[in-house]
Amino acid sequence: MDGTLISTFTDPKLQRPWGVHVTLAGQVFVCGNTSHTAIQVDHEGKKKLAQIDGVTYPISVWVNTNIEQIIVGTYGTNKIVVLELQ
C-alpha cells in the first residue's frame, strides 16, 4: 500500500503489455497487444506459466475460474474471444 515495487516481469515475446487481470487466487494474466498473446505469470511476477498465441490485438483479459474460461477483448476486430482453461 506504500507503493513499494514488489517485482518486475520481462519477456521479449510479450510486446506492448496491455490489460491485466488478477484472480482472487492471485493468478496474473496480461495481454501482449502487438505480440498477439495473452500470458499467465506466477503470483510472484517472476516467471511465465502459460501463453495463448494468435489472439489479434488483445487489450483486455478476464478469467472466470468458476466456469474455467478466459475472455479476451480485442482492438479493431469487433471480437471477444472465449477460451477454455485446461
N, C-alpha and C. Protein backbone atom coordinates (compact mmCIF):
# COMPACT_ATOMS: atom_id res chain seq x y z
N MET A 1 0.80 -1.19 0.00
CA MET A 1 0.00 0.00 0.00
C MET A 1 0.85 1.27 0.00
N ASP A 2 2.17 1.13 0.21
CA ASP A 2 3.02 2.32 0.25
C ASP A 2 3.73 2.58 -1.08
N GLY A 3 3.40 1.78 -2.12
CA GLY A 3 4.00 1.98 -3.43
C GLY A 3 5.33 1.30 -3.64
N THR A 4 5.70 0.39 -2.76
CA THR A 4 6.96 -0.33 -2.89
C THR A 4 6.88 -1.31 -4.06
N LEU A 5 7.87 -1.27 -4.94
CA LEU A 5 7.93 -2.19 -6.07
C LEU A 5 8.18 -3.60 -5.55
N ILE A 6 7.32 -4.54 -5.94
CA ILE A 6 7.44 -5.92 -5.49
C ILE A 6 8.20 -6.76 -6.50
N SER A 7 7.86 -6.62 -7.79
CA SER A 7 8.56 -7.39 -8.81
C SER A 7 8.35 -6.74 -10.18
N THR A 8 9.22 -7.11 -11.10
CA THR A 8 9.11 -6.68 -12.49
C THR A 8 9.27 -7.92 -13.36
N PHE A 9 8.34 -8.10 -14.30
CA PHE A 9 8.40 -9.25 -15.20
C PHE A 9 8.73 -8.75 -16.60
N THR A 10 9.67 -9.41 -17.26
CA THR A 10 10.05 -9.07 -18.62
C THR A 10 10.11 -10.33 -19.45
N ASP A 11 9.51 -10.27 -20.64
CA ASP A 11 9.56 -11.38 -21.59
C ASP A 11 9.59 -10.76 -22.98
N PRO A 12 10.62 -11.02 -23.78
CA PRO A 12 10.70 -10.41 -25.11
C PRO A 12 9.54 -10.80 -26.02
N LYS A 13 8.85 -11.90 -25.71
CA LYS A 13 7.70 -12.31 -26.52
C LYS A 13 6.42 -11.57 -26.12
N LEU A 14 6.45 -10.83 -25.03
CA LEU A 14 5.31 -10.04 -24.59
C LEU A 14 5.54 -8.60 -25.05
N GLN A 15 4.91 -8.25 -26.18
CA GLN A 15 5.10 -6.93 -26.75
C GLN A 15 3.89 -6.05 -26.47
N ARG A 16 4.15 -4.89 -25.95
CA ARG A 16 3.14 -3.89 -25.61
C ARG A 16 2.11 -4.43 -24.62
N PRO A 17 2.54 -4.72 -23.40
CA PRO A 17 1.61 -5.24 -22.39
C PRO A 17 0.43 -4.29 -22.21
N TRP A 18 -0.77 -4.89 -22.16
CA TRP A 18 -1.97 -4.08 -22.11
C TRP A 18 -3.09 -4.94 -21.53
N GLY A 19 -3.71 -4.53 -20.52
CA GLY A 19 -4.80 -5.29 -19.93
C GLY A 19 -4.29 -6.35 -18.97
N VAL A 20 -4.58 -6.18 -17.70
CA VAL A 20 -4.13 -7.10 -16.67
C VAL A 20 -5.33 -7.55 -15.85
N HIS A 21 -5.35 -8.83 -15.49
CA HIS A 21 -6.39 -9.35 -14.60
C HIS A 21 -5.72 -10.22 -13.55
N VAL A 22 -6.10 -10.01 -12.29
CA VAL A 22 -5.61 -10.84 -11.19
C VAL A 22 -6.82 -11.52 -10.57
N THR A 23 -6.80 -12.86 -10.53
CA THR A 23 -7.91 -13.61 -9.96
C THR A 23 -7.85 -13.54 -8.44
N LEU A 24 -8.92 -13.96 -7.79
CA LEU A 24 -8.94 -13.99 -6.33
C LEU A 24 -7.86 -14.91 -5.77
N ALA A 25 -7.46 -15.91 -6.55
CA ALA A 25 -6.41 -16.85 -6.12
C ALA A 25 -5.00 -16.28 -6.38
N GLY A 26 -4.92 -15.09 -6.97
CA GLY A 26 -3.62 -14.48 -7.21
C GLY A 26 -3.00 -14.78 -8.55
N GLN A 27 -3.73 -15.44 -9.45
CA GLN A 27 -3.22 -15.69 -10.80
C GLN A 27 -3.21 -14.36 -11.56
N VAL A 28 -2.12 -14.10 -12.29
CA VAL A 28 -1.97 -12.84 -13.02
C VAL A 28 -1.97 -13.13 -14.52
N PHE A 29 -2.84 -12.43 -15.26
CA PHE A 29 -2.94 -12.58 -16.71
C PHE A 29 -2.70 -11.22 -17.35
N VAL A 30 -1.93 -11.21 -18.46
CA VAL A 30 -1.57 -9.97 -19.15
C VAL A 30 -1.72 -10.18 -20.65
N CYS A 31 -2.24 -9.17 -21.35
CA CYS A 31 -2.31 -9.20 -22.81
C CYS A 31 -1.04 -8.60 -23.40
N GLY A 32 -0.56 -9.19 -24.48
CA GLY A 32 0.52 -8.62 -25.27
C GLY A 32 -0.09 -8.11 -26.56
N ASN A 33 -0.39 -6.81 -26.62
CA ASN A 33 -1.18 -6.26 -27.72
C ASN A 33 -0.56 -6.52 -29.09
N THR A 34 0.69 -6.14 -29.30
CA THR A 34 1.27 -6.32 -30.63
C THR A 34 1.95 -7.66 -30.82
N SER A 35 2.08 -8.44 -29.75
CA SER A 35 2.60 -9.80 -29.91
C SER A 35 1.46 -10.81 -30.09
N HIS A 36 0.22 -10.32 -30.00
CA HIS A 36 -0.98 -11.16 -30.23
C HIS A 36 -0.99 -12.36 -29.28
N THR A 37 -0.70 -12.08 -28.00
CA THR A 37 -0.66 -13.14 -27.00
C THR A 37 -1.36 -12.69 -25.71
N ALA A 38 -1.71 -13.65 -24.92
CA ALA A 38 -2.11 -13.42 -23.54
C ALA A 38 -1.30 -14.42 -22.72
N ILE A 39 -0.76 -13.96 -21.61
CA ILE A 39 0.08 -14.86 -20.82
C ILE A 39 -0.39 -14.90 -19.37
N GLN A 40 0.00 -15.98 -18.70
CA GLN A 40 -0.22 -16.10 -17.27
C GLN A 40 1.15 -16.05 -16.61
N VAL A 41 1.26 -15.21 -15.58
CA VAL A 41 2.50 -15.05 -14.83
C VAL A 41 2.25 -15.57 -13.42
N ASP A 42 3.26 -16.16 -12.81
CA ASP A 42 3.07 -16.64 -11.44
C ASP A 42 2.75 -15.48 -10.50
N HIS A 43 2.18 -15.78 -9.36
CA HIS A 43 1.69 -14.74 -8.45
C HIS A 43 2.81 -13.87 -7.88
N GLU A 44 4.04 -14.32 -8.00
CA GLU A 44 5.17 -13.51 -7.57
C GLU A 44 5.70 -12.61 -8.68
N GLY A 45 5.17 -12.80 -9.92
CA GLY A 45 5.60 -11.98 -11.05
C GLY A 45 7.00 -12.29 -11.53
N LYS A 46 7.44 -13.54 -11.36
CA LYS A 46 8.81 -13.90 -11.72
C LYS A 46 8.92 -14.77 -12.96
N LYS A 47 7.89 -15.57 -13.28
CA LYS A 47 8.01 -16.43 -14.46
C LYS A 47 6.66 -16.62 -15.15
N LYS A 48 6.76 -16.90 -16.44
CA LYS A 48 5.58 -17.15 -17.26
C LYS A 48 5.14 -18.59 -17.06
N LEU A 49 3.84 -18.78 -16.81
CA LEU A 49 3.31 -20.13 -16.61
C LEU A 49 2.62 -20.66 -17.86
N ALA A 50 1.99 -19.77 -18.63
CA ALA A 50 1.26 -20.21 -19.82
C ALA A 50 1.18 -19.07 -20.82
N GLN A 51 1.00 -19.42 -22.09
CA GLN A 51 0.88 -18.41 -23.14
C GLN A 51 -0.18 -18.85 -24.14
N ILE A 52 -1.03 -17.92 -24.51
CA ILE A 52 -2.03 -18.14 -25.57
C ILE A 52 -1.61 -17.30 -26.75
N ASP A 53 -1.37 -17.93 -27.89
CA ASP A 53 -0.96 -17.21 -29.10
C ASP A 53 -2.13 -17.06 -30.06
N GLY A 54 -2.00 -16.11 -30.97
CA GLY A 54 -2.95 -15.98 -32.06
C GLY A 54 -4.20 -15.17 -31.76
N VAL A 55 -4.21 -14.40 -30.67
CA VAL A 55 -5.34 -13.52 -30.37
C VAL A 55 -4.99 -12.15 -30.93
N THR A 56 -5.72 -11.69 -31.93
CA THR A 56 -5.39 -10.46 -32.63
C THR A 56 -5.61 -9.24 -31.77
N TYR A 57 -4.54 -8.50 -31.51
CA TYR A 57 -4.54 -7.25 -30.74
C TYR A 57 -5.35 -7.31 -29.44
N PRO A 58 -5.00 -8.21 -28.53
CA PRO A 58 -5.72 -8.27 -27.26
C PRO A 58 -5.47 -7.03 -26.41
N ILE A 59 -6.54 -6.51 -25.79
CA ILE A 59 -6.38 -5.33 -24.93
C ILE A 59 -6.98 -5.53 -23.54
N SER A 60 -7.79 -6.57 -23.37
CA SER A 60 -8.35 -6.84 -22.05
C SER A 60 -8.47 -8.35 -21.86
N VAL A 61 -8.31 -8.76 -20.61
CA VAL A 61 -8.41 -10.18 -20.30
C VAL A 61 -9.14 -10.32 -18.98
N TRP A 62 -9.99 -11.32 -18.90
CA TRP A 62 -10.73 -11.62 -17.68
C TRP A 62 -10.84 -13.12 -17.56
N VAL A 63 -10.64 -13.63 -16.36
CA VAL A 63 -10.66 -15.07 -16.12
C VAL A 63 -11.80 -15.39 -15.18
N ASN A 64 -12.64 -16.34 -15.58
CA ASN A 64 -13.73 -16.82 -14.73
C ASN A 64 -13.37 -18.24 -14.32
N THR A 65 -12.84 -18.38 -13.11
CA THR A 65 -12.42 -19.70 -12.65
C THR A 65 -13.61 -20.59 -12.31
N ASN A 66 -14.79 -20.01 -12.10
CA ASN A 66 -15.98 -20.82 -11.81
C ASN A 66 -16.39 -21.67 -13.00
N ILE A 67 -16.25 -21.12 -14.20
CA ILE A 67 -16.64 -21.88 -15.40
C ILE A 67 -15.42 -22.21 -16.28
N GLU A 68 -14.21 -21.94 -15.73
CA GLU A 68 -12.96 -22.32 -16.40
C GLU A 68 -12.82 -21.71 -17.80
N GLN A 69 -13.01 -20.38 -17.89
CA GLN A 69 -12.87 -19.69 -19.17
C GLN A 69 -12.03 -18.43 -19.03
N ILE A 70 -11.33 -18.10 -20.12
CA ILE A 70 -10.62 -16.83 -20.26
C ILE A 70 -11.34 -16.06 -21.35
N ILE A 71 -11.66 -14.82 -21.07
CA ILE A 71 -12.33 -13.96 -22.04
C ILE A 71 -11.37 -12.84 -22.39
N VAL A 72 -11.09 -12.68 -23.70
CA VAL A 72 -10.13 -11.68 -24.16
C VAL A 72 -10.84 -10.72 -25.10
N GLY A 73 -10.75 -9.43 -24.79
CA GLY A 73 -11.26 -8.40 -25.69
C GLY A 73 -10.16 -7.97 -26.63
N THR A 74 -10.53 -7.68 -27.87
CA THR A 74 -9.54 -7.32 -28.88
C THR A 74 -9.80 -5.92 -29.41
N TYR A 75 -8.76 -5.32 -29.97
CA TYR A 75 -8.84 -3.97 -30.51
C TYR A 75 -8.96 -4.04 -32.03
N GLY A 76 -9.93 -3.33 -32.59
CA GLY A 76 -10.05 -3.19 -34.03
C GLY A 76 -10.56 -4.41 -34.76
N THR A 77 -11.06 -5.42 -34.05
CA THR A 77 -11.53 -6.63 -34.73
C THR A 77 -13.00 -6.90 -34.47
N ASN A 78 -13.62 -6.15 -33.56
CA ASN A 78 -15.02 -6.37 -33.18
C ASN A 78 -15.26 -7.78 -32.65
N LYS A 79 -14.25 -8.34 -31.95
CA LYS A 79 -14.37 -9.70 -31.45
C LYS A 79 -14.06 -9.76 -29.95
N ILE A 80 -14.73 -10.68 -29.29
CA ILE A 80 -14.38 -11.10 -27.96
C ILE A 80 -14.09 -12.59 -28.06
N VAL A 81 -12.93 -13.00 -27.61
CA VAL A 81 -12.51 -14.39 -27.74
C VAL A 81 -12.71 -15.08 -26.39
N VAL A 82 -13.38 -16.24 -26.41
CA VAL A 82 -13.61 -17.01 -25.20
C VAL A 82 -12.85 -18.33 -25.34
N LEU A 83 -12.01 -18.63 -24.36
CA LEU A 83 -11.18 -19.83 -24.39
C LEU A 83 -11.42 -20.65 -23.14
N GLU A 84 -11.36 -21.96 -23.27
CA GLU A 84 -11.49 -22.86 -22.13
C GLU A 84 -10.15 -22.98 -21.43
N LEU A 85 -10.15 -22.91 -20.11
CA LEU A 85 -8.94 -23.18 -19.33
C LEU A 85 -8.71 -24.69 -19.32
N GLN A 86 -7.47 -25.08 -19.38
CA GLN A 86 -7.17 -26.51 -19.34
C GLN A 86 -6.17 -26.80 -18.27
